[in-house]
Full PDB file with SEQRES, HELIX, SHEET, SSBOND, CRYST1, ORIGX, SCALE, CONECT and MASTER records, all heavy atoms in Angstrom:
SEQRES   1 A   33  PHE THR ALA GLY GLU LYS GLU VAL ARG ALA TRP PRO ILE          
SEQRES   2 A   33  PRO GLN GLY ALA THR ALA PRO GLN ALA ALA GLY VAL ILE          
SEQRES   3 A   33  HIS SER ASP PHE GLU LYS GLY                                  
HELIX    1 AA1 ALA A   19  ILE A   26  1                                   8    
HELIX    2 AA2 SER A   28  LYS A   32  1                                   5    
SHEET    1 AA1 2 THR A   2  ALA A   3  0                                        
SHEET    2 AA1 2 VAL A   8  ARG A   9 -1                                        
CRYST1    1.000    1.000    1.000  90.00  90.00  90.00 P 1           1          
ORIGX1      1.000000  0.000000  0.000000        0.00000                         
ORIGX2      0.000000  1.000000  0.000000        0.00000                         
ORIGX3      0.000000  0.000000  1.000000        0.00000                         
SCALE1      1.000000  0.000000  0.000000        0.00000                         
SCALE2      0.000000  1.000000  0.000000        0.00000                         
SCALE3      0.000000  0.000000  1.000000        0.00000                         
ATOM      1  N   PHE A   1     -15.143-100.228 -96.217  1.00  0.00           N  
ATOM      2  CA  PHE A   1     -15.950-101.033 -95.425  1.00  0.00           C  
ATOM      3  C   PHE A   1     -17.415-100.716 -95.532  1.00  0.00           C  
ATOM      4  O   PHE A   1     -17.883 -99.606 -95.811  1.00  0.00           O  
ATOM      5  CB  PHE A   1     -15.693-101.003 -93.900  1.00  0.00           C  
ATOM      6  CG  PHE A   1     -14.190-101.218 -93.683  1.00  0.00           C  
ATOM      7  CD1 PHE A   1     -13.259-100.105 -93.557  1.00  0.00           C  
ATOM      8  CD2 PHE A   1     -13.684-102.519 -93.610  1.00  0.00           C  
ATOM      9  CE1 PHE A   1     -11.998-100.403 -93.297  1.00  0.00           C  
ATOM     10  CE2 PHE A   1     -12.333-102.778 -93.416  1.00  0.00           C  
ATOM     11  CZ  PHE A   1     -11.443-101.701 -93.255  1.00  0.00           C  
ATOM     12  N   THR A   2     -18.322-101.710 -95.505  1.00  0.00           N  
ATOM     13  CA  THR A   2     -19.779-101.642 -95.273  1.00  0.00           C  
ATOM     14  C   THR A   2     -19.984-102.304 -93.915  1.00  0.00           C  
ATOM     15  O   THR A   2     -19.420-103.287 -93.481  1.00  0.00           O  
ATOM     16  CB  THR A   2     -20.540-102.311 -96.292  1.00  0.00           C  
ATOM     17  OG1 THR A   2     -20.207-103.716 -96.554  1.00  0.00           O  
ATOM     18  CG2 THR A   2     -20.372-101.521 -97.695  1.00  0.00           C  
ATOM     19  N   ALA A   3     -21.055-101.709 -93.254  1.00  0.00           N  
ATOM     20  CA  ALA A   3     -21.345-102.182 -91.933  1.00  0.00           C  
ATOM     21  C   ALA A   3     -22.856-102.142 -91.659  1.00  0.00           C  
ATOM     22  O   ALA A   3     -23.464-101.092 -91.815  1.00  0.00           O  
ATOM     23  CB  ALA A   3     -20.611-101.389 -90.791  1.00  0.00           C  
ATOM     24  N   GLY A   4     -23.434-103.273 -91.198  1.00  0.00           N  
ATOM     25  CA  GLY A   4     -24.881-103.302 -90.917  1.00  0.00           C  
ATOM     26  C   GLY A   4     -25.182-104.498 -89.916  1.00  0.00           C  
ATOM     27  O   GLY A   4     -24.125-105.069 -89.401  1.00  0.00           O  
ATOM     28  N   GLU A   5     -26.433-104.674 -89.764  1.00  0.00           N  
ATOM     29  CA  GLU A   5     -26.831-105.658 -88.787  1.00  0.00           C  
ATOM     30  C   GLU A   5     -26.402-107.082 -89.252  1.00  0.00           C  
ATOM     31  O   GLU A   5     -26.049-108.064 -88.522  1.00  0.00           O  
ATOM     32  CB  GLU A   5     -28.299-105.699 -88.615  1.00  0.00           C  
ATOM     33  CG  GLU A   5     -28.852-104.545 -87.826  1.00  0.00           C  
ATOM     34  CD  GLU A   5     -30.285-104.601 -87.687  1.00  0.00           C  
ATOM     35  OE1 GLU A   5     -30.964-105.574 -88.108  1.00  0.00           O  
ATOM     36  OE2 GLU A   5     -30.899-103.707 -87.174  1.00  0.00           O  
ATOM     37  N   LYS A   6     -26.331-107.305 -90.561  1.00  0.00           N  
ATOM     38  CA  LYS A   6     -25.971-108.731 -91.102  1.00  0.00           C  
ATOM     39  C   LYS A   6     -24.435-108.901 -91.028  1.00  0.00           C  
ATOM     40  O   LYS A   6     -24.073-109.995 -90.682  1.00  0.00           O  
ATOM     41  CB  LYS A   6     -26.666-109.014 -92.431  1.00  0.00           C  
ATOM     42  CG  LYS A   6     -28.122-109.103 -92.426  1.00  0.00           C  
ATOM     43  CD  LYS A   6     -28.548-109.450 -93.905  1.00  0.00           C  
ATOM     44  CE  LYS A   6     -30.055-109.747 -93.825  1.00  0.00           C  
ATOM     45  NZ  LYS A   6     -30.579-110.005 -95.179  1.00  0.00           N  
ATOM     46  N   GLU A   7     -23.811-107.931 -91.399  1.00  0.00           N  
ATOM     47  CA  GLU A   7     -22.346-108.250 -91.618  1.00  0.00           C  
ATOM     48  C   GLU A   7     -21.479-106.798 -91.639  1.00  0.00           C  
ATOM     49  O   GLU A   7     -22.024-105.805 -92.084  1.00  0.00           O  
ATOM     50  CB  GLU A   7     -21.867-109.022 -92.828  1.00  0.00           C  
ATOM     51  CG  GLU A   7     -22.195-108.372 -94.143  1.00  0.00           C  
ATOM     52  CD  GLU A   7     -21.805-109.050 -95.446  1.00  0.00           C  
ATOM     53  OE1 GLU A   7     -21.780-110.424 -95.396  1.00  0.00           O  
ATOM     54  OE2 GLU A   7     -21.487-108.553 -96.396  1.00  0.00           O  
ATOM     55  N   VAL A   8     -20.252-107.092 -91.224  1.00  0.00           N  
ATOM     56  CA  VAL A   8     -19.322-106.000 -91.445  1.00  0.00           C  
ATOM     57  C   VAL A   8     -18.256-106.614 -92.509  1.00  0.00           C  
ATOM     58  O   VAL A   8     -17.811-107.798 -92.307  1.00  0.00           O  
ATOM     59  CB  VAL A   8     -18.503-105.580 -90.136  1.00  0.00           C  
ATOM     60  CG1 VAL A   8     -17.242-104.746 -90.553  1.00  0.00           C  
ATOM     61  CG2 VAL A   8     -19.393-104.877 -89.191  1.00  0.00           C  
ATOM     62  N   ARG A   9     -18.083-105.892 -93.595  1.00  0.00           N  
ATOM     63  CA  ARG A   9     -17.248-106.374 -94.679  1.00  0.00           C  
ATOM     64  C   ARG A   9     -16.192-105.461 -95.227  1.00  0.00           C  
ATOM     65  O   ARG A   9     -16.580-104.229 -95.440  1.00  0.00           O  
ATOM     66  CB  ARG A   9     -18.208-106.913 -95.794  1.00  0.00           C  
ATOM     67  CG  ARG A   9     -17.447-107.637 -96.908  1.00  0.00           C  
ATOM     68  CD  ARG A   9     -18.376-107.938 -98.263  1.00  0.00           C  
ATOM     69  NE  ARG A   9     -19.271-108.973 -97.970  1.00  0.00           N  
ATOM     70  CZ  ARG A   9     -19.047-110.269 -98.461  1.00  0.00           C  
ATOM     71  NH1 ARG A   9     -18.051-110.453 -99.231  1.00  0.00           N  
ATOM     72  NH2 ARG A   9     -20.037-111.145 -98.157  1.00  0.00           N  
ATOM     73  N   ALA A  10     -15.041-105.995 -95.528  1.00  0.00           N  
ATOM     74  CA  ALA A  10     -14.053-105.227 -96.118  1.00  0.00           C  
ATOM     75  C   ALA A  10     -14.069-105.510 -97.697  1.00  0.00           C  
ATOM     76  O   ALA A  10     -14.186-106.795 -98.097  1.00  0.00           O  
ATOM     77  CB  ALA A  10     -12.623-105.569 -95.751  1.00  0.00           C  
ATOM     78  N   TRP A  11     -14.046-104.415 -98.440  1.00  0.00           N  
ATOM     79  CA  TRP A  11     -14.106-104.636 -99.916  1.00  0.00           C  
ATOM     80  C   TRP A  11     -12.950-104.111-100.638  1.00  0.00           C  
ATOM     81  O   TRP A  11     -12.452-103.046-100.387  1.00  0.00           O  
ATOM     82  CB  TRP A  11     -15.291-103.913-100.508  1.00  0.00           C  
ATOM     83  CG  TRP A  11     -16.744-104.247-100.001  1.00  0.00           C  
ATOM     84  CD1 TRP A  11     -17.333-103.756 -98.943  1.00  0.00           C  
ATOM     85  CD2 TRP A  11     -17.549-105.341-100.565  1.00  0.00           C  
ATOM     86  NE1 TRP A  11     -18.465-104.434 -98.724  1.00  0.00           N  
ATOM     87  CE2 TRP A  11     -18.639-105.369 -99.729  1.00  0.00           C  
ATOM     88  CE3 TRP A  11     -17.476-106.062-101.671  1.00  0.00           C  
ATOM     89  CZ2 TRP A  11     -19.746-106.223 -99.907  1.00  0.00           C  
ATOM     90  CZ3 TRP A  11     -18.385-107.006-101.807  1.00  0.00           C  
ATOM     91  CH2 TRP A  11     -19.595-107.031-100.881  1.00  0.00           C  
ATOM     92  N   PRO A  12     -12.211-105.019-101.411  1.00  0.00           N  
ATOM     93  CA  PRO A  12     -10.917-104.631-102.026  1.00  0.00           C  
ATOM     94  C   PRO A  12     -11.168-103.756-103.222  1.00  0.00           C  
ATOM     95  O   PRO A  12     -12.139-104.027-104.180  1.00  0.00           O  
ATOM     96  CB  PRO A  12     -10.275-105.966-102.454  1.00  0.00           C  
ATOM     97  CG  PRO A  12     -11.500-106.858-102.585  1.00  0.00           C  
ATOM     98  CD  PRO A  12     -12.533-106.454-101.731  1.00  0.00           C  
ATOM     99  N   ILE A  13     -10.526-102.647-103.378  1.00  0.00           N  
ATOM    100  CA  ILE A  13     -10.606-101.709-104.547  1.00  0.00           C  
ATOM    101  C   ILE A  13      -9.262-101.275-104.838  1.00  0.00           C  
ATOM    102  O   ILE A  13      -8.286-101.071-103.956  1.00  0.00           O  
ATOM    103  CB  ILE A  13     -11.600-100.627-104.292  1.00  0.00           C  
ATOM    104  CG1 ILE A  13     -11.239 -99.689-102.981  1.00  0.00           C  
ATOM    105  CG2 ILE A  13     -13.047-100.971-104.286  1.00  0.00           C  
ATOM    106  CD1 ILE A  13     -11.913 -98.370-102.897  1.00  0.00           C  
ATOM    107  N   PRO A  14      -9.055-100.929-106.190  1.00  0.00           N  
ATOM    108  CA  PRO A  14      -7.671-100.230-106.566  1.00  0.00           C  
ATOM    109  C   PRO A  14      -7.582 -98.892-106.005  1.00  0.00           C  
ATOM    110  O   PRO A  14      -8.573 -98.176-105.784  1.00  0.00           O  
ATOM    111  CB  PRO A  14      -7.737-100.232-108.100  1.00  0.00           C  
ATOM    112  CG  PRO A  14      -8.915-101.149-108.430  1.00  0.00           C  
ATOM    113  CD  PRO A  14      -9.940-100.990-107.300  1.00  0.00           C  
ATOM    114  N   GLN A  15      -6.360 -98.495-105.535  1.00  0.00           N  
ATOM    115  CA  GLN A  15      -6.152 -97.171-105.156  1.00  0.00           C  
ATOM    116  C   GLN A  15      -6.538 -96.150-106.310  1.00  0.00           C  
ATOM    117  O   GLN A  15      -6.187 -96.486-107.495  1.00  0.00           O  
ATOM    118  CB  GLN A  15      -4.690 -97.077-104.714  1.00  0.00           C  
ATOM    119  CG  GLN A  15      -4.426 -97.749-103.536  1.00  0.00           C  
ATOM    120  CD  GLN A  15      -2.973 -97.670-103.003  1.00  0.00           C  
ATOM    121  OE1 GLN A  15      -2.256 -96.500-103.383  1.00  0.00           O  
ATOM    122  NE2 GLN A  15      -2.459 -98.593-102.355  1.00  0.00           N  
ATOM    123  N   GLY A  16      -7.331 -95.210-106.038  1.00  0.00           N  
ATOM    124  CA  GLY A  16      -7.821 -94.291-106.950  1.00  0.00           C  
ATOM    125  C   GLY A  16      -9.085 -94.448-107.480  1.00  0.00           C  
ATOM    126  O   GLY A  16      -9.774 -93.782-108.214  1.00  0.00           O  
ATOM    127  N   ALA A  17      -9.873 -95.576-106.962  1.00  0.00           N  
ATOM    128  CA  ALA A  17     -11.139 -95.872-107.498  1.00  0.00           C  
ATOM    129  C   ALA A  17     -12.177 -94.831-106.955  1.00  0.00           C  
ATOM    130  O   ALA A  17     -12.108 -94.304-105.787  1.00  0.00           O  
ATOM    131  CB  ALA A  17     -11.551 -97.396-106.951  1.00  0.00           C  
ATOM    132  N   THR A  18     -13.216 -94.479-107.835  1.00  0.00           N  
ATOM    133  CA  THR A  18     -14.188 -93.524-107.464  1.00  0.00           C  
ATOM    134  C   THR A  18     -15.280 -94.308-106.697  1.00  0.00           C  
ATOM    135  O   THR A  18     -15.311 -95.587-106.736  1.00  0.00           O  
ATOM    136  CB  THR A  18     -14.792 -92.952-108.711  1.00  0.00           C  
ATOM    137  OG1 THR A  18     -15.319 -93.972-109.591  1.00  0.00           O  
ATOM    138  CG2 THR A  18     -13.657 -92.179-109.572  1.00  0.00           C  
ATOM    139  N   ALA A  19     -16.136 -93.499-106.188  1.00  0.00           N  
ATOM    140  CA  ALA A  19     -17.305 -94.092-105.316  1.00  0.00           C  
ATOM    141  C   ALA A  19     -18.143 -95.035-106.237  1.00  0.00           C  
ATOM    142  O   ALA A  19     -18.491 -96.252-105.751  1.00  0.00           O  
ATOM    143  CB  ALA A  19     -18.158 -93.018-104.783  1.00  0.00           C  
ATOM    144  N   PRO A  20     -18.524 -94.735-107.489  1.00  0.00           N  
ATOM    145  CA  PRO A  20     -19.372 -95.569-108.197  1.00  0.00           C  
ATOM    146  C   PRO A  20     -18.591 -96.932-108.503  1.00  0.00           C  
ATOM    147  O   PRO A  20     -19.123 -98.032-108.628  1.00  0.00           O  
ATOM    148  CB  PRO A  20     -19.573 -94.796-109.537  1.00  0.00           C  
ATOM    149  CG  PRO A  20     -19.428 -93.419-109.090  1.00  0.00           C  
ATOM    150  CD  PRO A  20     -18.520 -93.385-108.129  1.00  0.00           C  
ATOM    151  N   GLN A  21     -17.233 -96.806-108.899  1.00  0.00           N  
ATOM    152  CA  GLN A  21     -16.419 -98.040-109.188  1.00  0.00           C  
ATOM    153  C   GLN A  21     -16.365 -98.843-107.835  1.00  0.00           C  
ATOM    154  O   GLN A  21     -16.448-100.039-107.931  1.00  0.00           O  
ATOM    155  CB  GLN A  21     -15.001 -97.538-109.520  1.00  0.00           C  
ATOM    156  CG  GLN A  21     -14.960 -96.973-111.000  1.00  0.00           C  
ATOM    157  CD  GLN A  21     -13.634 -96.278-111.096  1.00  0.00           C  
ATOM    158  OE1 GLN A  21     -12.864 -96.021-110.303  1.00  0.00           O  
ATOM    159  NE2 GLN A  21     -13.370 -96.231-112.551  1.00  0.00           N  
ATOM    160  N   ALA A  22     -16.365 -98.239-106.670  1.00  0.00           N  
ATOM    161  CA  ALA A  22     -16.358 -98.987-105.380  1.00  0.00           C  
ATOM    162  C   ALA A  22     -17.648 -99.774-105.208  1.00  0.00           C  
ATOM    163  O   ALA A  22     -17.749-100.848-104.801  1.00  0.00           O  
ATOM    164  CB  ALA A  22     -16.009 -98.020-104.289  1.00  0.00           C  
ATOM    165  N   ALA A  23     -18.702 -99.036-105.498  1.00  0.00           N  
ATOM    166  CA  ALA A  23     -20.041 -99.609-105.443  1.00  0.00           C  
ATOM    167  C   ALA A  23     -20.260-100.821-106.441  1.00  0.00           C  
ATOM    168  O   ALA A  23     -20.886-101.719-106.007  1.00  0.00           O  
ATOM    169  CB  ALA A  23     -21.103 -98.607-105.780  1.00  0.00           C  
ATOM    170  N   GLY A  24     -19.549-100.763-107.546  1.00  0.00           N  
ATOM    171  CA  GLY A  24     -19.626-101.897-108.530  1.00  0.00           C  
ATOM    172  C   GLY A  24     -18.890-103.064-108.114  1.00  0.00           C  
ATOM    173  O   GLY A  24     -19.321-104.074-108.688  1.00  0.00           O  
ATOM    174  N   VAL A  25     -18.129-102.994-107.125  1.00  0.00           N  
ATOM    175  CA  VAL A  25     -17.559-104.216-106.564  1.00  0.00           C  
ATOM    176  C   VAL A  25     -18.448-105.076-105.792  1.00  0.00           C  
ATOM    177  O   VAL A  25     -18.453-106.281-105.880  1.00  0.00           O  
ATOM    178  CB  VAL A  25     -16.290-103.875-105.696  1.00  0.00           C  
ATOM    179  CG1 VAL A  25     -15.752-105.080-104.933  1.00  0.00           C  
ATOM    180  CG2 VAL A  25     -15.189-103.054-106.355  1.00  0.00           C  
ATOM    181  N   ILE A  26     -19.439-104.477-105.203  1.00  0.00           N  
ATOM    182  CA  ILE A  26     -20.529-105.083-104.522  1.00  0.00           C  
ATOM    183  C   ILE A  26     -21.577-105.728-105.638  1.00  0.00           C  
ATOM    184  O   ILE A  26     -21.869-106.913-105.472  1.00  0.00           O  
ATOM    185  CB  ILE A  26     -21.269-104.161-103.580  1.00  0.00           C  
ATOM    186  CG1 ILE A  26     -20.454-103.596-102.592  1.00  0.00           C  
ATOM    187  CG2 ILE A  26     -22.451-104.892-102.980  1.00  0.00           C  
ATOM    188  CD1 ILE A  26     -21.032-102.423-101.630  1.00  0.00           C  
ATOM    189  N   HIS A  27     -21.858-104.892-106.486  1.00  0.00           N  
ATOM    190  CA  HIS A  27     -22.785-105.393-107.515  1.00  0.00           C  
ATOM    191  C   HIS A  27     -22.733-104.386-108.687  1.00  0.00           C  
ATOM    192  O   HIS A  27     -22.700-103.184-108.412  1.00  0.00           O  
ATOM    193  CB  HIS A  27     -24.171-105.565-107.050  1.00  0.00           C  
ATOM    194  CG  HIS A  27     -25.124-106.310-108.013  1.00  0.00           C  
ATOM    195  ND1 HIS A  27     -25.501-105.932-109.183  1.00  0.00           N  
ATOM    196  CD2 HIS A  27     -25.580-107.615-107.896  1.00  0.00           C  
ATOM    197  CE1 HIS A  27     -26.231-106.949-109.755  1.00  0.00           C  
ATOM    198  NE2 HIS A  27     -26.343-107.931-108.890  1.00  0.00           N  
ATOM    199  N   SER A  28     -22.705-104.936-109.978  1.00  0.00           N  
ATOM    200  CA  SER A  28     -22.606-104.034-111.066  1.00  0.00           C  
ATOM    201  C   SER A  28     -23.718-103.039-111.195  1.00  0.00           C  
ATOM    202  O   SER A  28     -23.584-101.923-111.621  1.00  0.00           O  
ATOM    203  CB  SER A  28     -22.508-104.865-112.406  1.00  0.00           C  
ATOM    204  OG  SER A  28     -23.726-105.566-112.492  1.00  0.00           O  
ATOM    205  N   ASP A  29     -24.955-103.465-110.777  1.00  0.00           N  
ATOM    206  CA  ASP A  29     -26.141-102.500-110.714  1.00  0.00           C  
ATOM    207  C   ASP A  29     -25.919-101.254-109.890  1.00  0.00           C  
ATOM    208  O   ASP A  29     -26.496-100.184-110.053  1.00  0.00           O  
ATOM    209  CB  ASP A  29     -27.399-103.231-110.166  1.00  0.00           C  
ATOM    210  CG  ASP A  29     -27.828-104.233-111.235  1.00  0.00           C  
ATOM    211  OD1 ASP A  29     -27.500-104.161-112.293  1.00  0.00           O  
ATOM    212  OD2 ASP A  29     -28.798-105.172-110.994  1.00  0.00           O  
ATOM    213  N   PHE A  30     -25.084-101.498-108.717  1.00  0.00           N  
ATOM    214  CA  PHE A  30     -24.749-100.386-107.789  1.00  0.00           C  
ATOM    215  C   PHE A  30     -24.085 -99.271-108.540  1.00  0.00           C  
ATOM    216  O   PHE A  30     -24.277 -98.164-108.288  1.00  0.00           O  
ATOM    217  CB  PHE A  30     -23.964-100.873-106.578  1.00  0.00           C  
ATOM    218  CG  PHE A  30     -24.822-101.639-105.608  1.00  0.00           C  
ATOM    219  CD1 PHE A  30     -25.995-102.382-105.909  1.00  0.00           C  
ATOM    220  CD2 PHE A  30     -24.328-101.574-104.214  1.00  0.00           C  
ATOM    221  CE1 PHE A  30     -26.779-103.018-104.983  1.00  0.00           C  
ATOM    222  CE2 PHE A  30     -25.168-102.472-103.313  1.00  0.00           C  
ATOM    223  CZ  PHE A  30     -26.315-103.030-103.702  1.00  0.00           C  
ATOM    224  N   GLU A  31     -23.193 -99.769-109.419  1.00  0.00           N  
ATOM    225  CA  GLU A  31     -22.418 -98.782-110.174  1.00  0.00           C  
ATOM    226  C   GLU A  31     -23.218 -98.083-111.157  1.00  0.00           C  
ATOM    227  O   GLU A  31     -23.151 -96.822-111.300  1.00  0.00           O  
ATOM    228  CB  GLU A  31     -21.240 -99.378-110.771  1.00  0.00           C  
ATOM    229  CG  GLU A  31     -20.261 -98.417-111.689  1.00  0.00           C  
ATOM    230  CD  GLU A  31     -18.970 -99.097-112.118  1.00  0.00           C  
ATOM    231  OE1 GLU A  31     -18.743-100.332-111.907  1.00  0.00           O  
ATOM    232  OE2 GLU A  31     -18.203 -98.292-112.734  1.00  0.00           O  
ATOM    233  N   LYS A  32     -24.061 -98.793-111.900  1.00  0.00           N  
ATOM    234  CA  LYS A  32     -24.851 -98.212-112.936  1.00  0.00           C  
ATOM    235  C   LYS A  32     -25.831 -97.324-112.447  1.00  0.00           C  
ATOM    236  O   LYS A  32     -26.171 -96.206-113.098  1.00  0.00           O  
ATOM    237  CB  LYS A  32     -25.628 -99.317-113.735  1.00  0.00           C  
ATOM    238  CG  LYS A  32     -24.744-100.272-114.551  1.00  0.00           C  
ATOM    239  CD  LYS A  32     -25.560-101.553-115.120  1.00  0.00           C  
ATOM    240  CE  LYS A  32     -24.656-102.503-115.870  1.00  0.00           C  
ATOM    241  NZ  LYS A  32     -25.388-103.694-116.140  1.00  0.00           N  
ATOM    242  N   GLY A  33     -26.559 -97.621-111.300  1.00  0.00           N  
ATOM    243  CA  GLY A  33     -27.427 -96.689-110.701  1.00  0.00           C  
ATOM    244  C   GLY A  33     -27.015 -95.892-109.516  1.00  0.00           C  
ATOM    245  O   GLY A  33     -27.932 -95.360-108.851  1.00  0.00           O  
TER     246      GLY A  33                                                      
MASTER        0    0    0    2    2    0    0    6  245    1    0    3          
END                                                                             
């Protein structure tokens, strides 16, 4: 989950995904950087 003033959102990821891979579900730039 991500949570802030604008929204609380659930993000689907495969079991075993790493933090960078999870960030990439939001935006590919998040994973790269």
